[in-house]
Amino acid sequence: MNEAETILESRPASDDELFYLKLARDEFAASLGRLEETAKYLVGAIGAVAGLVLAGLQVKLAVSQGQAAPATPLTWPFVLWGVSAVFAIFVFFPLPYRHYSGSPQSIRQKFVKARKVKWSLLLISTLAFAAGLLLAAWQF
């Protein structure tokens, strides 16, 4: 069966259009790296805050020497910070995204999926970290 070919009239892209197309591609590719860098900074912030609160708790326990060690009110903040750290680590952990190397569409779909997964993990990590901060502040 012979099917008639459809011929579309077009024009070459202008320099301005090419610039913005390249800018969009570069920005899209760079966003994945920025998510990973943000997660690394969040892991550092979690460690710093948890260390400061733990040091403050040790000072508080040392001041009240004669008493039995009380159950710490900071259990949930530490649990939330631990959850936050795990999700932040998963952001920069290399996840397997299988694609067809010769197919730009397959590569694009997997890149979009990777970006969505990493953004979601970073969001969960950030929310858990913030919730831990709020609970810790509420305890004092």
N, C-alpha and C. Protein backbone atom coordinates (compact mmCIF):
# COMPACT_ATOMS: atom_id res chain seq x y z
N MET A 1 0.83 -1.17 0.00
CA MET A 1 0.00 0.00 0.00
C MET A 1 0.89 1.24 0.00
N ASN A 2 0.57 2.13 -0.87
CA ASN A 2 1.30 3.39 -0.92
C ASN A 2 0.51 4.46 -0.20
N GLU A 3 1.15 5.06 0.78
CA GLU A 3 0.51 6.17 1.50
C GLU A 3 1.19 7.45 1.07
N ALA A 4 0.40 8.48 0.90
CA ALA A 4 0.95 9.76 0.49
C ALA A 4 1.73 10.38 1.64
N GLU A 5 2.89 10.89 1.33
CA GLU A 5 3.70 11.55 2.35
C GLU A 5 3.17 12.95 2.61
N THR A 6 3.20 13.33 3.89
CA THR A 6 2.78 14.68 4.24
C THR A 6 4.03 15.55 4.32
N ILE A 7 4.02 16.61 3.56
CA ILE A 7 5.16 17.53 3.55
C ILE A 7 4.72 18.81 4.26
N LEU A 8 5.48 19.19 5.27
CA LEU A 8 5.18 20.39 6.02
C LEU A 8 6.16 21.50 5.65
N GLU A 9 5.63 22.67 5.48
CA GLU A 9 6.48 23.82 5.23
C GLU A 9 7.06 24.27 6.56
N SER A 10 8.33 24.59 6.59
CA SER A 10 8.96 25.07 7.82
C SER A 10 10.06 26.06 7.47
N ARG A 11 10.59 26.64 8.50
CA ARG A 11 11.69 27.57 8.32
C ARG A 11 12.76 27.20 9.34
N PRO A 12 13.97 27.55 9.05
CA PRO A 12 15.02 27.28 10.04
C PRO A 12 14.80 28.13 11.29
N ALA A 13 15.18 27.58 12.44
CA ALA A 13 15.05 28.32 13.69
C ALA A 13 16.01 29.50 13.69
N SER A 14 15.54 30.59 14.26
CA SER A 14 16.39 31.78 14.35
C SER A 14 17.44 31.58 15.44
N ASP A 15 18.44 32.44 15.44
CA ASP A 15 19.47 32.37 16.48
C ASP A 15 18.85 32.56 17.86
N ASP A 16 17.90 33.46 17.97
CA ASP A 16 17.22 33.72 19.23
C ASP A 16 16.47 32.47 19.71
N GLU A 17 15.75 31.82 18.80
CA GLU A 17 15.02 30.60 19.16
C GLU A 17 15.98 29.48 19.54
N LEU A 18 17.06 29.35 18.81
CA LEU A 18 18.06 28.32 19.15
C LEU A 18 18.68 28.58 20.52
N PHE A 19 18.93 29.86 20.83
CA PHE A 19 19.49 30.21 22.13
C PHE A 19 18.55 29.74 23.26
N TYR A 20 17.26 30.04 23.12
CA TYR A 20 16.32 29.67 24.18
C TYR A 20 16.08 28.17 24.25
N LEU A 21 16.12 27.50 23.11
CA LEU A 21 16.01 26.04 23.14
C LEU A 21 17.21 25.42 23.86
N LYS A 22 18.40 25.93 23.57
CA LYS A 22 19.59 25.42 24.25
C LYS A 22 19.54 25.76 25.75
N LEU A 23 19.09 26.97 26.07
CA LEU A 23 18.96 27.37 27.46
C LEU A 23 18.01 26.44 28.22
N ALA A 24 16.88 26.12 27.60
CA ALA A 24 15.91 25.22 28.24
C ALA A 24 16.50 23.84 28.44
N ARG A 25 17.23 23.33 27.47
CA ARG A 25 17.86 22.01 27.61
C ARG A 25 18.91 22.01 28.71
N ASP A 26 19.75 23.05 28.71
CA ASP A 26 20.81 23.13 29.72
C ASP A 26 20.22 23.27 31.13
N GLU A 27 19.19 24.09 31.26
CA GLU A 27 18.55 24.29 32.56
C GLU A 27 17.92 23.00 33.05
N PHE A 28 17.28 22.31 32.15
CA PHE A 28 16.63 21.04 32.51
C PHE A 28 17.67 20.03 32.99
N ALA A 29 18.80 19.94 32.30
CA ALA A 29 19.85 19.00 32.69
C ALA A 29 20.50 19.41 34.00
N ALA A 30 20.70 20.69 34.22
CA ALA A 30 21.36 21.17 35.44
C ALA A 30 20.48 21.01 36.68
N SER A 31 19.18 20.95 36.50
CA SER A 31 18.28 20.89 37.66
C SER A 31 18.49 19.61 38.46
N LEU A 32 18.84 18.51 37.82
CA LEU A 32 19.07 17.26 38.53
C LEU A 32 20.28 17.39 39.46
N GLY A 33 21.34 18.01 38.98
CA GLY A 33 22.52 18.21 39.82
C GLY A 33 22.24 19.13 40.99
N ARG A 34 21.42 20.17 40.78
CA ARG A 34 21.08 21.08 41.88
C ARG A 34 20.27 20.38 42.95
N LEU A 35 19.38 19.48 42.56
CA LEU A 35 18.62 18.72 43.56
C LEU A 35 19.58 17.89 44.42
N GLU A 36 20.55 17.26 43.78
CA GLU A 36 21.50 16.44 44.52
C GLU A 36 22.36 17.29 45.45
N GLU A 37 22.80 18.44 44.98
CA GLU A 37 23.60 19.33 45.83
C GLU A 37 22.79 19.83 47.02
N THR A 38 21.54 20.16 46.80
CA THR A 38 20.67 20.61 47.89
C THR A 38 20.52 19.51 48.93
N ALA A 39 20.36 18.27 48.48
CA ALA A 39 20.23 17.15 49.42
C ALA A 39 21.50 16.99 50.25
N LYS A 40 22.65 17.19 49.64
CA LYS A 40 23.92 17.08 50.39
C LYS A 40 23.99 18.15 51.48
N TYR A 41 23.58 19.37 51.16
CA TYR A 41 23.58 20.43 52.17
C TYR A 41 22.57 20.12 53.28
N LEU A 42 21.44 19.55 52.93
CA LEU A 42 20.44 19.20 53.92
C LEU A 42 20.97 18.13 54.87
N VAL A 43 21.69 17.15 54.36
CA VAL A 43 22.29 16.13 55.22
C VAL A 43 23.25 16.79 56.21
N GLY A 44 24.03 17.74 55.76
CA GLY A 44 24.94 18.46 56.66
C GLY A 44 24.19 19.25 57.71
N ALA A 45 23.11 19.91 57.31
CA ALA A 45 22.31 20.69 58.26
C ALA A 45 21.66 19.78 59.30
N ILE A 46 21.19 18.63 58.87
CA ILE A 46 20.58 17.68 59.81
C ILE A 46 21.60 17.24 60.84
N GLY A 47 22.79 16.90 60.38
CA GLY A 47 23.84 16.47 61.31
C GLY A 47 24.22 17.57 62.28
N ALA A 48 24.33 18.80 61.80
CA ALA A 48 24.71 19.91 62.67
C ALA A 48 23.65 20.18 63.73
N VAL A 49 22.40 20.23 63.31
CA VAL A 49 21.32 20.51 64.27
C VAL A 49 21.18 19.37 65.27
N ALA A 50 21.22 18.14 64.79
CA ALA A 50 21.09 17.00 65.70
C ALA A 50 22.24 16.98 66.70
N GLY A 51 23.45 17.30 66.24
CA GLY A 51 24.60 17.35 67.14
C GLY A 51 24.45 18.44 68.20
N LEU A 52 23.98 19.61 67.79
CA LEU A 52 23.79 20.70 68.75
C LEU A 52 22.72 20.35 69.79
N VAL A 53 21.63 19.78 69.32
CA VAL A 53 20.57 19.41 70.27
C VAL A 53 21.05 18.30 71.21
N LEU A 54 21.78 17.35 70.68
CA LEU A 54 22.30 16.28 71.53
C LEU A 54 23.27 16.83 72.57
N ALA A 55 24.12 17.77 72.17
CA ALA A 55 25.04 18.39 73.13
C ALA A 55 24.26 19.16 74.19
N GLY A 56 23.22 19.87 73.78
CA GLY A 56 22.39 20.58 74.75
C GLY A 56 21.70 19.63 75.71
N LEU A 57 21.26 18.50 75.21
CA LEU A 57 20.61 17.49 76.06
C LEU A 57 21.61 16.92 77.07
N GLN A 58 22.84 16.69 76.65
CA GLN A 58 23.86 16.18 77.57
C GLN A 58 24.15 17.19 78.68
N VAL A 59 24.20 18.46 78.32
CA VAL A 59 24.41 19.51 79.33
C VAL A 59 23.24 19.52 80.30
N LYS A 60 22.05 19.41 79.80
CA LYS A 60 20.86 19.42 80.64
C LYS A 60 20.86 18.23 81.60
N LEU A 61 21.25 17.06 81.11
CA LEU A 61 21.32 15.87 81.96
C LEU A 61 22.43 16.00 83.00
N ALA A 62 23.54 16.62 82.62
CA ALA A 62 24.64 16.80 83.56
C ALA A 62 24.26 17.75 84.69
N VAL A 63 23.44 18.75 84.39
CA VAL A 63 23.00 19.70 85.40
C VAL A 63 22.08 19.03 86.41
N SER A 64 21.26 18.12 85.95
CA SER A 64 20.33 17.43 86.85
C SER A 64 20.90 16.07 87.25
N GLN A 65 22.10 16.07 87.84
CA GLN A 65 22.82 14.83 88.14
C GLN A 65 22.11 13.92 89.13
N GLY A 66 21.57 14.45 90.16
CA GLY A 66 21.03 13.61 91.22
C GLY A 66 19.79 12.82 90.81
N GLN A 67 19.20 13.14 89.71
CA GLN A 67 17.95 12.49 89.32
C GLN A 67 18.23 11.38 88.32
N ALA A 68 17.28 10.47 88.22
CA ALA A 68 17.37 9.43 87.20
C ALA A 68 17.23 10.10 85.83
N ALA A 69 17.88 9.53 84.87
CA ALA A 69 17.83 10.12 83.53
C ALA A 69 16.39 10.11 83.01
N PRO A 70 15.86 11.27 82.72
CA PRO A 70 14.47 11.32 82.24
C PRO A 70 14.36 10.82 80.79
N ALA A 71 13.19 10.37 80.45
CA ALA A 71 12.95 10.02 79.04
C ALA A 71 13.06 11.31 78.23
N THR A 72 13.82 11.27 77.19
CA THR A 72 14.07 12.49 76.42
C THR A 72 12.84 12.90 75.60
N PRO A 73 12.50 14.18 75.63
CA PRO A 73 11.39 14.65 74.80
C PRO A 73 11.81 14.84 73.34
N LEU A 74 13.08 14.59 73.05
CA LEU A 74 13.58 14.82 71.70
C LEU A 74 13.64 13.55 70.87
N THR A 75 12.98 12.50 71.31
CA THR A 75 13.01 11.25 70.56
C THR A 75 12.43 11.43 69.17
N TRP A 76 11.25 12.05 69.08
CA TRP A 76 10.61 12.22 67.77
C TRP A 76 11.38 13.16 66.85
N PRO A 77 11.92 14.27 67.36
CA PRO A 77 12.74 15.08 66.45
C PRO A 77 13.93 14.29 65.88
N PHE A 78 14.59 13.47 66.72
CA PHE A 78 15.71 12.68 66.20
C PHE A 78 15.24 11.64 65.19
N VAL A 79 14.08 11.05 65.42
CA VAL A 79 13.53 10.09 64.45
C VAL A 79 13.24 10.80 63.13
N LEU A 80 12.63 11.98 63.20
CA LEU A 80 12.33 12.74 61.98
C LEU A 80 13.60 13.16 61.25
N TRP A 81 14.62 13.57 62.00
CA TRP A 81 15.88 13.94 61.36
C TRP A 81 16.54 12.73 60.73
N GLY A 82 16.41 11.57 61.34
CA GLY A 82 16.94 10.35 60.73
C GLY A 82 16.22 10.02 59.43
N VAL A 83 14.90 10.14 59.45
CA VAL A 83 14.12 9.91 58.23
C VAL A 83 14.53 10.93 57.16
N SER A 84 14.69 12.17 57.57
CA SER A 84 15.10 13.22 56.65
C SER A 84 16.46 12.90 56.03
N ALA A 85 17.39 12.46 56.85
CA ALA A 85 18.73 12.13 56.34
C ALA A 85 18.67 10.97 55.35
N VAL A 86 17.87 9.96 55.64
CA VAL A 86 17.77 8.81 54.73
C VAL A 86 17.21 9.25 53.38
N PHE A 87 16.13 10.04 53.39
CA PHE A 87 15.55 10.50 52.12
C PHE A 87 16.51 11.43 51.38
N ALA A 88 17.25 12.26 52.10
CA ALA A 88 18.21 13.15 51.45
C ALA A 88 19.35 12.34 50.82
N ILE A 89 19.78 11.29 51.48
CA ILE A 89 20.83 10.44 50.91
C ILE A 89 20.34 9.76 49.63
N PHE A 90 19.08 9.34 49.62
CA PHE A 90 18.52 8.73 48.42
C PHE A 90 18.48 9.70 47.23
N VAL A 91 18.45 11.00 47.50
CA VAL A 91 18.43 11.97 46.40
C VAL A 91 19.72 11.88 45.60
N PHE A 92 20.87 11.79 46.25
CA PHE A 92 22.11 11.74 45.47
C PHE A 92 22.65 10.34 45.29
N PHE A 93 21.94 9.33 45.79
CA PHE A 93 22.29 7.94 45.53
C PHE A 93 21.91 7.63 44.08
N PRO A 94 22.81 7.04 43.30
CA PRO A 94 22.47 6.79 41.89
C PRO A 94 21.42 5.69 41.75
N LEU A 95 20.26 6.06 41.28
CA LEU A 95 19.18 5.10 41.07
C LEU A 95 19.25 4.58 39.64
N PRO A 96 18.89 3.32 39.42
CA PRO A 96 18.96 2.78 38.06
C PRO A 96 17.76 3.23 37.22
N TYR A 97 18.02 3.92 36.15
CA TYR A 97 16.99 4.33 35.21
C TYR A 97 17.34 3.73 33.86
N ARG A 98 16.65 2.68 33.50
CA ARG A 98 16.94 1.99 32.24
C ARG A 98 16.29 2.73 31.08
N HIS A 99 17.05 2.85 30.02
CA HIS A 99 16.55 3.53 28.83
C HIS A 99 17.26 2.96 27.61
N TYR A 100 16.71 3.25 26.46
CA TYR A 100 17.35 2.87 25.20
C TYR A 100 18.31 3.98 24.82
N SER A 101 19.60 3.65 24.76
CA SER A 101 20.61 4.69 24.56
C SER A 101 20.48 5.38 23.21
N GLY A 102 19.88 4.74 22.23
CA GLY A 102 19.73 5.37 20.93
C GLY A 102 18.44 6.13 20.76
N SER A 103 17.63 6.17 21.80
CA SER A 103 16.33 6.82 21.69
C SER A 103 16.27 8.09 22.53
N PRO A 104 16.28 9.26 21.90
CA PRO A 104 16.19 10.50 22.67
C PRO A 104 14.90 10.56 23.50
N GLN A 105 13.81 10.02 22.97
CA GLN A 105 12.54 10.04 23.71
C GLN A 105 12.64 9.20 24.99
N SER A 106 13.28 8.03 24.90
CA SER A 106 13.45 7.18 26.08
C SER A 106 14.34 7.86 27.12
N ILE A 107 15.42 8.47 26.65
CA ILE A 107 16.33 9.18 27.55
C ILE A 107 15.60 10.32 28.24
N ARG A 108 14.83 11.07 27.47
CA ARG A 108 14.07 12.19 28.03
C ARG A 108 13.08 11.71 29.07
N GLN A 109 12.34 10.64 28.77
CA GLN A 109 11.35 10.13 29.72
C GLN A 109 12.02 9.70 31.03
N LYS A 110 13.14 9.03 30.94
CA LYS A 110 13.82 8.57 32.15
C LYS A 110 14.44 9.73 32.92
N PHE A 111 14.92 10.74 32.19
CA PHE A 111 15.47 11.92 32.86
C PHE A 111 14.37 12.66 33.61
N VAL A 112 13.21 12.80 32.99
CA VAL A 112 12.07 13.45 33.64
C VAL A 112 11.66 12.64 34.87
N LYS A 113 11.64 11.32 34.74
CA LYS A 113 11.28 10.46 35.87
C LYS A 113 12.30 10.62 37.01
N ALA A 114 13.59 10.63 36.67
CA ALA A 114 14.63 10.79 37.69
C ALA A 114 14.48 12.11 38.41
N ARG A 115 14.19 13.16 37.66
CA ARG A 115 14.02 14.48 38.27
C ARG A 115 12.83 14.50 39.21
N LYS A 116 11.72 13.90 38.80
CA LYS A 116 10.53 13.86 39.66
C LYS A 116 10.78 13.05 40.92
N VAL A 117 11.43 11.91 40.79
CA VAL A 117 11.71 11.07 41.96
C VAL A 117 12.63 11.80 42.92
N LYS A 118 13.70 12.39 42.41
CA LYS A 118 14.66 13.09 43.28
C LYS A 118 14.03 14.32 43.92
N TRP A 119 13.19 15.04 43.19
CA TRP A 119 12.52 16.19 43.76
C TRP A 119 11.56 15.74 44.88
N SER A 120 10.84 14.66 44.67
CA SER A 120 9.92 14.14 45.69
C SER A 120 10.68 13.70 46.94
N LEU A 121 11.80 13.01 46.75
CA LEU A 121 12.60 12.58 47.90
C LEU A 121 13.13 13.79 48.67
N LEU A 122 13.59 14.81 47.95
CA LEU A 122 14.10 16.01 48.60
C LEU A 122 12.98 16.73 49.36
N LEU A 123 11.79 16.77 48.78
CA LEU A 123 10.66 17.40 49.46
C LEU A 123 10.31 16.67 50.76
N ILE A 124 10.26 15.35 50.72
CA ILE A 124 9.98 14.57 51.92
C ILE A 124 11.06 14.81 52.97
N SER A 125 12.31 14.82 52.53
CA SER A 125 13.42 15.06 53.45
C SER A 125 13.32 16.43 54.11
N THR A 126 13.01 17.44 53.32
CA THR A 126 12.90 18.80 53.84
C THR A 126 11.74 18.91 54.83
N LEU A 127 10.61 18.31 54.50
CA LEU A 127 9.45 18.37 55.40
C LEU A 127 9.73 17.64 56.71
N ALA A 128 10.39 16.48 56.64
CA ALA A 128 10.73 15.75 57.87
C ALA A 128 11.71 16.55 58.72
N PHE A 129 12.68 17.20 58.08
CA PHE A 129 13.64 18.02 58.81
C PHE A 129 12.94 19.18 59.50
N ALA A 130 12.07 19.87 58.78
CA ALA A 130 11.34 21.00 59.35
C ALA A 130 10.42 20.55 60.49
N ALA A 131 9.78 19.41 60.32
CA ALA A 131 8.91 18.90 61.38
C ALA A 131 9.73 18.57 62.63
N GLY A 132 10.92 18.01 62.44
CA GLY A 132 11.81 17.74 63.58
C GLY A 132 12.23 19.02 64.28
N LEU A 133 12.53 20.06 63.52
CA LEU A 133 12.88 21.35 64.12
C LEU A 133 11.71 21.91 64.93
N LEU A 134 10.53 21.85 64.36
CA LEU A 134 9.34 22.37 65.07
C LEU A 134 9.08 21.59 66.35
N LEU A 135 9.18 20.27 66.30
CA LEU A 135 8.98 19.47 67.51
C LEU A 135 10.05 19.77 68.56
N ALA A 136 11.30 19.91 68.12
CA ALA A 136 12.38 20.21 69.06
C ALA A 136 12.16 21.58 69.70
N ALA A 137 11.77 22.57 68.90
CA ALA A 137 11.53 23.91 69.43
C ALA A 137 10.34 23.89 70.40
N TRP A 138 9.36 23.10 70.09
CA TRP A 138 8.16 23.01 70.94
C TRP A 138 8.47 22.39 72.30
N GLN A 139 9.49 21.52 72.35
CA GLN A 139 9.87 20.86 73.60
C GLN A 139 10.56 21.82 74.58
N PHE A 140 11.10 22.88 74.06
CA PHE A 140 11.81 23.82 74.94
C PHE A 140 10.95 25.01 75.11
